[in-house]
Every structure is written in structure tokens, then in C-alpha cells.
Amino acid sequence: MPGVIFSNRKLDASRFGLIDVGLTAINYLGVPMPEDRGPLDGKPWTVR
């Protein structure tokens, strides 16, 4: 189902998905990424 993402920062990604939000927050806060991530765990967006 399509949706809308509102952000006051520029996001660089080729696609956006709900599954990517958690990893984006972890990455933005500087927390190391989990080692046991699989291909279905999403990818963090680049926040500028």
C-alpha cells in the first residue's frame, strides 16, 4: 500500500519502506549496525 513520508531533512534512497525506518534511526544516532542483519531487514536511508 503506498504511503507518504514527511521529513524535514533530505533523504537519499531509491525506495522507501517501513522496514527501513528502524535501521535509519539506529544509523542516524550513531549506534553500530547489528551484525546479524539479513537481506530482509531493510537498508538505512542516507539522511543529510
C-alpha atoms as a PDB file:
ATOM      1  CA  MET A   1       0.000   0.000   0.000  1.00  0.00           C
ATOM      2  CA  PRO A   2       1.508   3.355  -0.973  1.00  0.00           C
ATOM      3  CA  GLY A   3       2.129   5.926   1.697  1.00  0.00           C
ATOM      4  CA  VAL A   4       3.748   9.273   2.363  1.00  0.00           C
ATOM      5  CA  ILE A   5       6.927  10.042   4.297  1.00  0.00           C
ATOM      6  CA  PHE A   6       7.254  13.538   5.753  1.00  0.00           C
ATOM      7  CA  SER A   7      10.728  14.669   6.753  1.00  0.00           C
ATOM      8  CA  ASN A   8      12.395  17.976   7.492  1.00  0.00           C
ATOM      9  CA  ARG A   9      15.700  16.506   6.256  1.00  0.00           C
ATOM     10  CA  LYS A  10      16.670  15.314   2.799  1.00  0.00           C
ATOM     11  CA  LEU A  11      16.579  11.532   2.410  1.00  0.00           C
ATOM     12  CA  ASP A  12      18.616   9.782  -0.275  1.00  0.00           C
ATOM     13  CA  ALA A  13      17.233   6.393  -1.232  1.00  0.00           C
ATOM     14  CA  SER A  14      15.974   4.656  -4.328  1.00  0.00           C
ATOM     15  CA  ARG A  15      12.999   3.287  -2.408  1.00  0.00           C
ATOM     16  CA  PHE A  16      11.383   3.864   0.965  1.00  0.00           C
ATOM     17  CA  GLY A  17       9.862   1.181   3.155  1.00  0.00           C
ATOM     18  CA  LEU A  18       8.578   0.940   6.697  1.00  0.00           C
ATOM     19  CA  ILE A  19      11.128  -1.777   7.453  1.00  0.00           C
ATOM     20  CA  ASP A  20      13.939   0.752   6.795  1.00  0.00           C
ATOM     21  CA  VAL A  21      12.835   3.216   9.489  1.00  0.00           C
ATOM     22  CA  GLY A  22      14.405   1.365  12.443  1.00  0.00           C
ATOM     23  CA  LEU A  23      17.773   0.946  10.753  1.00  0.00           C
ATOM     24  CA  THR A  24      17.716   4.581   9.664  1.00  0.00           C
ATOM     25  CA  ALA A  25      17.180   5.689  13.272  1.00  0.00           C
ATOM     26  CA  ILE A  26      19.981   3.416  14.526  1.00  0.00           C
ATOM     27  CA  ASN A  27      22.337   4.741  11.852  1.00  0.00           C
ATOM     28  CA  TYR A  28      21.374   8.395  12.470  1.00  0.00           C
ATOM     29  CA  LEU A  29      22.034   8.065  16.223  1.00  0.00           C
ATOM     30  CA  GLY A  30      25.477   6.550  15.594  1.00  0.00           C
ATOM     31  CA  VAL A  31      24.683   3.142  17.079  1.00  0.00           C
ATOM     32  CA  PRO A  32      26.602   0.284  15.405  1.00  0.00           C
ATOM     33  CA  MET A  33      24.509  -1.755  12.986  1.00  0.00           C
ATOM     34  CA  PRO A  34      23.541  -5.252  14.152  1.00  0.00           C
ATOM     35  CA  GLU A  35      25.920  -7.921  12.838  1.00  0.00           C
ATOM     36  CA  ASP A  36      23.186 -10.499  12.244  1.00  0.00           C
ATOM     37  CA  ARG A  37      21.126  -8.440   9.771  1.00  0.00           C
ATOM     38  CA  GLY A  38      19.699 -10.406   6.900  1.00  0.00           C
ATOM     39  CA  PRO A  39      18.702  -9.317   3.404  1.00  0.00           C
ATOM     40  CA  LEU A  40      15.082  -8.890   4.518  1.00  0.00           C
ATOM     41  CA  ASP A  41      15.935  -6.465   7.341  1.00  0.00           C
ATOM     42  CA  GLY A  42      15.916  -3.402   5.099  1.00  0.00           C
ATOM     43  CA  LYS A  43      18.552  -0.760   4.448  1.00  0.00           C
ATOM     44  CA  PRO A  44      19.072   2.543   6.262  1.00  0.00           C
ATOM     45  CA  TRP A  45      18.373   5.714   4.309  1.00  0.00           C
ATOM     46  CA  THR A  46      21.055   8.373   3.962  1.00  0.00           C
ATOM     47  CA  VAL A  47      19.934  11.431   5.947  1.00  0.00           C
ATOM     48  CA  ARG A  48      21.508  14.753   5.017  1.00  0.00           C
END
